[in-house]
Amino acid sequence: MKPHLIVFGILIAGFIAYNLFFRIGDERTNTAVNIIYASVLFAYISFMAYSLLRKMKK
């Protein structure tokens, strides 16, 4: 489970870094990138929960 948390921490750090330093000038494109990135983060949370439940089942 620890590698999953490290990857998740890297994804969160990337999200924060993008919003602080690498914003796109066009507001609509920036919003779309934020939504897609947040969707990837939530999908990874779902994957971590699924893998944890699978381990608990065994």
PDB file of N, CA and C in Angstrom:
ATOM      1  N   MET A   1       0.826  -1.198   0.000  1.00  0.00           N
ATOM      2  CA  MET A   1       0.000   0.000   0.000  1.00  0.00           C
ATOM      3  C   MET A   1       0.869   1.259   0.000  1.00  0.00           C
ATOM      4  N   LYS A   2       2.068   1.157   0.539  1.00  0.00           N
ATOM      5  CA  LYS A   2       2.925   2.326   0.623  1.00  0.00           C
ATOM      6  C   LYS A   2       3.296   2.897  -0.750  1.00  0.00           C
ATOM      7  N   PRO A   3       3.603   2.064  -1.760  1.00  0.00           N
ATOM      8  CA  PRO A   3       3.903   2.637  -3.081  1.00  0.00           C
ATOM      9  C   PRO A   3       2.717   3.404  -3.670  1.00  0.00           C
ATOM     10  N   HIS A   4       1.501   2.938  -3.383  1.00  0.00           N
ATOM     11  CA  HIS A   4       0.317   3.647  -3.865  1.00  0.00           C
ATOM     12  C   HIS A   4       0.227   5.040  -3.245  1.00  0.00           C
ATOM     13  N   LEU A   5       0.541   5.138  -1.982  1.00  0.00           N
ATOM     14  CA  LEU A   5       0.482   6.441  -1.316  1.00  0.00           C
ATOM     15  C   LEU A   5       1.573   7.376  -1.818  1.00  0.00           C
ATOM     16  N   ILE A   6       2.729   6.831  -2.152  1.00  0.00           N
ATOM     17  CA  ILE A   6       3.811   7.658  -2.697  1.00  0.00           C
ATOM     18  C   ILE A   6       3.409   8.210  -4.061  1.00  0.00           C
ATOM     19  N   VAL A   7       2.842   7.359  -4.909  1.00  0.00           N
ATOM     20  CA  VAL A   7       2.392   7.813  -6.230  1.00  0.00           C
ATOM     21  C   VAL A   7       1.289   8.847  -6.078  1.00  0.00           C
ATOM     22  N   PHE A   8       0.369   8.622  -5.149  1.00  0.00           N
ATOM     23  CA  PHE A   8      -0.711   9.583  -4.923  1.00  0.00           C
ATOM     24  C   PHE A   8      -0.154  10.923  -4.444  1.00  0.00           C
ATOM     25  N   GLY A   9       0.848  10.889  -3.571  1.00  0.00           N
ATOM     26  CA  GLY A   9       1.489  12.118  -3.113  1.00  0.00           C
ATOM     27  C   GLY A   9       2.158  12.868  -4.253  1.00  0.00           C
ATOM     28  N   ILE A  10       2.791  12.118  -5.169  1.00  0.00           N
ATOM     29  CA  ILE A  10       3.409  12.750  -6.333  1.00  0.00           C
ATOM     30  C   ILE A  10       2.345  13.388  -7.224  1.00  0.00           C
ATOM     31  N   LEU A  11       1.215  12.699  -7.414  1.00  0.00           N
ATOM     32  CA  LEU A  11       0.126  13.260  -8.220  1.00  0.00           C
ATOM     33  C   LEU A  11      -0.431  14.539  -7.585  1.00  0.00           C
ATOM     34  N   ILE A  12      -0.591  14.548  -6.277  1.00  0.00           N
ATOM     35  CA  ILE A  12      -1.087  15.745  -5.579  1.00  0.00           C
ATOM     36  C   ILE A  12      -0.080  16.886  -5.709  1.00  0.00           C
ATOM     37  N   ALA A  13       1.211  16.572  -5.543  1.00  0.00           N
ATOM     38  CA  ALA A  13       2.243  17.604  -5.687  1.00  0.00           C
ATOM     39  C   ALA A  13       2.252  18.163  -7.110  1.00  0.00           C
ATOM     40  N   GLY A  14       2.051  17.297  -8.105  1.00  0.00           N
ATOM     41  CA  GLY A  14       1.972  17.754  -9.483  1.00  0.00           C
ATOM     42  C   GLY A  14       0.777  18.652  -9.718  1.00  0.00           C
ATOM     43  N   PHE A  15      -0.345  18.323  -9.104  1.00  0.00           N
ATOM     44  CA  PHE A  15      -1.552  19.148  -9.233  1.00  0.00           C
ATOM     45  C   PHE A  15      -1.334  20.531  -8.628  1.00  0.00           C
ATOM     46  N   ILE A  16      -0.714  20.572  -7.467  1.00  0.00           N
ATOM     47  CA  ILE A  16      -0.443  21.853  -6.810  1.00  0.00           C
ATOM     48  C   ILE A  16       0.574  22.661  -7.610  1.00  0.00           C
ATOM     49  N   ALA A  17       1.615  21.986  -8.093  1.00  0.00           N
ATOM     50  CA  ALA A  17       2.631  22.683  -8.886  1.00  0.00           C
ATOM     51  C   ALA A  17       2.038  23.236 -10.173  1.00  0.00           C
ATOM     52  N   TYR A  18       1.167  22.474 -10.800  1.00  0.00           N
ATOM     53  CA  TYR A  18       0.533  22.960 -12.032  1.00  0.00           C
ATOM     54  C   TYR A  18      -0.273  24.226 -11.751  1.00  0.00           C
ATOM     55  N   ASN A  19      -1.056  24.202 -10.682  1.00  0.00           N
ATOM     56  CA  ASN A  19      -1.908  25.353 -10.381  1.00  0.00           C
ATOM     57  C   ASN A  19      -1.121  26.566  -9.908  1.00  0.00           C
ATOM     58  N   LEU A  20       0.042  26.363  -9.341  1.00  0.00           N
ATOM     59  CA  LEU A  20       0.835  27.498  -8.884  1.00  0.00           C
ATOM     60  C   LEU A  20       1.752  28.067  -9.962  1.00  0.00           C
ATOM     61  N   PHE A  21       2.368  27.188 -10.767  1.00  0.00           N
ATOM     62  CA  PHE A  21       3.427  27.638 -11.666  1.00  0.00           C
ATOM     63  C   PHE A  21       3.143  27.475 -13.155  1.00  0.00           C
ATOM     64  N   PHE A  22       2.390  26.468 -13.542  1.00  0.00           N
ATOM     65  CA  PHE A  22       2.269  26.120 -14.957  1.00  0.00           C
ATOM     66  C   PHE A  22       0.871  26.330 -15.517  1.00  0.00           C
ATOM     67  N   ARG A  23       0.173  27.327 -15.039  1.00  0.00           N
ATOM     68  CA  ARG A  23      -1.189  27.574 -15.518  1.00  0.00           C
ATOM     69  C   ARG A  23      -1.188  27.964 -16.985  1.00  0.00           C
ATOM     70  N   ILE A  24      -2.226  27.541 -17.681  1.00  0.00           N
ATOM     71  CA  ILE A  24      -2.410  27.906 -19.083  1.00  0.00           C
ATOM     72  C   ILE A  24      -3.146  29.244 -19.111  1.00  0.00           C
ATOM     73  N   GLY A  25      -2.780  30.102 -20.036  1.00  0.00           N
ATOM     74  CA  GLY A  25      -3.350  31.444 -20.104  1.00  0.00           C
ATOM     75  C   GLY A  25      -4.845  31.469 -20.362  1.00  0.00           C
ATOM     76  N   ASP A  26      -5.323  30.581 -21.233  1.00  0.00           N
ATOM     77  CA  ASP A  26      -6.748  30.530 -21.540  1.00  0.00           C
ATOM     78  C   ASP A  26      -7.497  29.915 -20.363  1.00  0.00           C
ATOM     79  N   GLU A  27      -8.483  30.624 -19.849  1.00  0.00           N
ATOM     80  CA  GLU A  27      -9.199  30.174 -18.643  1.00  0.00           C
ATOM     81  C   GLU A  27     -10.005  28.901 -18.901  1.00  0.00           C
ATOM     82  N   ARG A  28     -10.614  28.785 -20.073  1.00  0.00           N
ATOM     83  CA  ARG A  28     -11.418  27.589 -20.364  1.00  0.00           C
ATOM     84  C   ARG A  28     -10.529  26.355 -20.471  1.00  0.00           C
ATOM     85  N   THR A  29      -9.384  26.480 -21.109  1.00  0.00           N
ATOM     86  CA  THR A  29      -8.463  25.351 -21.229  1.00  0.00           C
ATOM     87  C   THR A  29      -7.891  24.985 -19.871  1.00  0.00           C
ATOM     88  N   ASN A  30      -7.581  25.977 -19.078  1.00  0.00           N
ATOM     89  CA  ASN A  30      -7.058  25.724 -17.736  1.00  0.00           C
ATOM     90  C   ASN A  30      -8.087  24.976 -16.889  1.00  0.00           C
ATOM     91  N   THR A  31      -9.345  25.369 -16.991  1.00  0.00           N
ATOM     92  CA  THR A  31     -10.404  24.682 -16.254  1.00  0.00           C
ATOM     93  C   THR A  31     -10.544  23.242 -16.721  1.00  0.00           C
ATOM     94  N   ALA A  32     -10.463  23.021 -18.029  1.00  0.00           N
ATOM     95  CA  ALA A  32     -10.552  21.660 -18.560  1.00  0.00           C
ATOM     96  C   ALA A  32      -9.399  20.792 -18.059  1.00  0.00           C
ATOM     97  N   VAL A  33      -8.184  21.342 -18.037  1.00  0.00           N
ATOM     98  CA  VAL A  33      -7.032  20.586 -17.551  1.00  0.00           C
ATOM     99  C   VAL A  33      -7.201  20.268 -16.064  1.00  0.00           C
ATOM    100  N   ASN A  34      -7.694  21.226 -15.287  1.00  0.00           N
ATOM    101  CA  ASN A  34      -7.929  20.973 -13.861  1.00  0.00           C
ATOM    102  C   ASN A  34      -8.966  19.880 -13.651  1.00  0.00           C
ATOM    103  N   ILE A  35     -10.019  19.884 -14.439  1.00  0.00           N
ATOM    104  CA  ILE A  35     -11.063  18.864 -14.309  1.00  0.00           C
ATOM    105  C   ILE A  35     -10.515  17.491 -14.674  1.00  0.00           C
ATOM    106  N   ILE A  36      -9.742  17.418 -15.748  1.00  0.00           N
ATOM    107  CA  ILE A  36      -9.167  16.131 -16.158  1.00  0.00           C
ATOM    108  C   ILE A  36      -8.179  15.624 -15.115  1.00  0.00           C
ATOM    109  N   TYR A  37      -7.351  16.505 -14.594  1.00  0.00           N
ATOM    110  CA  TYR A  37      -6.374  16.105 -13.577  1.00  0.00           C
ATOM    111  C   TYR A  37      -7.085  15.642 -12.300  1.00  0.00           C
ATOM    112  N   ALA A  38      -8.125  16.353 -11.896  1.00  0.00           N
ATOM    113  CA  ALA A  38      -8.880  15.945 -10.713  1.00  0.00           C
ATOM    114  C   ALA A  38      -9.566  14.604 -10.947  1.00  0.00           C
ATOM    115  N   SER A  39     -10.029  14.354 -12.153  1.00  0.00           N
ATOM    116  CA  SER A  39     -10.641  13.066 -12.471  1.00  0.00           C
ATOM    117  C   SER A  39      -9.629  11.935 -12.351  1.00  0.00           C
ATOM    118  N   VAL A  40      -8.410  12.181 -12.798  1.00  0.00           N
ATOM    119  CA  VAL A  40      -7.354  11.173 -12.660  1.00  0.00           C
ATOM    120  C   VAL A  40      -7.062  10.919 -11.186  1.00  0.00           C
ATOM    121  N   LEU A  41      -7.028  11.971 -10.382  1.00  0.00           N
ATOM    122  CA  LEU A  41      -6.794  11.800  -8.942  1.00  0.00           C
ATOM    123  C   LEU A  41      -7.894  10.968  -8.287  1.00  0.00           C
ATOM    124  N   PHE A  42      -9.151  11.257  -8.600  1.00  0.00           N
ATOM    125  CA  PHE A  42     -10.255  10.488  -8.026  1.00  0.00           C
ATOM    126  C   PHE A  42     -10.259   9.053  -8.528  1.00  0.00           C
ATOM    127  N   ALA A  43      -9.877   8.835  -9.783  1.00  0.00           N
ATOM    128  CA  ALA A  43      -9.781   7.469 -10.305  1.00  0.00           C
ATOM    129  C   ALA A  43      -8.691   6.699  -9.565  1.00  0.00           C
ATOM    130  N   TYR A  44      -7.584   7.370  -9.247  1.00  0.00           N
ATOM    131  CA  TYR A  44      -6.514   6.701  -8.514  1.00  0.00           C
ATOM    132  C   TYR A  44      -6.936   6.388  -7.078  1.00  0.00           C
ATOM    133  N   ILE A  45      -7.702   7.273  -6.473  1.00  0.00           N
ATOM    134  CA  ILE A  45      -8.251   6.991  -5.137  1.00  0.00           C
ATOM    135  C   ILE A  45      -9.140   5.757  -5.201  1.00  0.00           C
ATOM    136  N   SER A  46      -9.964   5.660  -6.236  1.00  0.00           N
ATOM    137  CA  SER A  46     -10.835   4.496  -6.406  1.00  0.00           C
ATOM    138  C   SER A  46     -10.015   3.226  -6.578  1.00  0.00           C
ATOM    139  N   PHE A  47      -8.956   3.308  -7.365  1.00  0.00           N
ATOM    140  CA  PHE A  47      -8.088   2.153  -7.560  1.00  0.00           C
ATOM    141  C   PHE A  47      -7.452   1.718  -6.242  1.00  0.00           C
ATOM    142  N   MET A  48      -6.987   2.691  -5.439  1.00  0.00           N
ATOM    143  CA  MET A  48      -6.383   2.348  -4.147  1.00  0.00           C
ATOM    144  C   MET A  48      -7.405   1.679  -3.233  1.00  0.00           C
ATOM    145  N   ALA A  49      -8.628   2.189  -3.203  1.00  0.00           N
ATOM    146  CA  ALA A  49      -9.669   1.596  -2.364  1.00  0.00           C
ATOM    147  C   ALA A  49     -10.001   0.184  -2.832  1.00  0.00           C
ATOM    148  N   TYR A  50     -10.099  -0.006  -4.143  1.00  0.00           N
ATOM    149  CA  TYR A  50     -10.396  -1.334  -4.684  1.00  0.00           C
ATOM    150  C   TYR A  50      -9.297  -2.332  -4.333  1.00  0.00           C
ATOM    151  N   SER A  51      -8.050  -1.924  -4.483  1.00  0.00           N
ATOM    152  CA  SER A  51      -6.948  -2.837  -4.169  1.00  0.00           C
ATOM    153  C   SER A  51      -6.885  -3.134  -2.669  1.00  0.00           C
ATOM    154  N   LEU A  52      -7.210  -2.154  -1.844  1.00  0.00           N
ATOM    155  CA  LEU A  52      -7.235  -2.394  -0.398  1.00  0.00           C
ATOM    156  C   LEU A  52      -8.355  -3.367  -0.027  1.00  0.00           C
ATOM    157  N   LEU A  53      -9.535  -3.199  -0.616  1.00  0.00           N
ATOM    158  CA  LEU A  53     -10.628  -4.131  -0.335  1.00  0.00           C
ATOM    159  C   LEU A  53     -10.313  -5.531  -0.825  1.00  0.00           C
ATOM    160  N   ARG A  54      -9.629  -5.639  -1.961  1.00  0.00           N
ATOM    161  CA  ARG A  54      -9.236  -6.950  -2.463  1.00  0.00           C
ATOM    162  C   ARG A  54      -8.249  -7.613  -1.511  1.00  0.00           C
ATOM    163  N   LYS A  55      -7.315  -6.839  -0.956  1.00  0.00           N
ATOM    164  CA  LYS A  55      -6.351  -7.405  -0.003  1.00  0.00           C
ATOM    165  C   LYS A  55      -7.038  -7.819   1.294  1.00  0.00           C
ATOM    166  N   MET A  56      -8.033  -7.049   1.725  1.00  0.00           N
ATOM    167  CA  MET A  56      -8.740  -7.386   2.959  1.00  0.00           C
ATOM    168  C   MET A  56      -9.595  -8.647   2.789  1.00  0.00           C
ATOM    169  N   LYS A  57     -10.046  -8.892   1.570  1.00  0.00           N
ATOM    170  CA  LYS A  57     -10.884 -10.053   1.307  1.00  0.00           C
ATOM    171  C   LYS A  57     -10.091 -11.343   1.411  1.00  0.00           C
ATOM    172  N   LYS A  58      -8.817 -11.298   1.072  1.00  0.00           N
ATOM    173  CA  LYS A  58      -7.972 -12.512   1.103  1.00  0.00           C
ATOM    174  C   LYS A  58      -7.636 -12.944   2.490  1.00  0.00           C
TER     175      LYS A  58
END
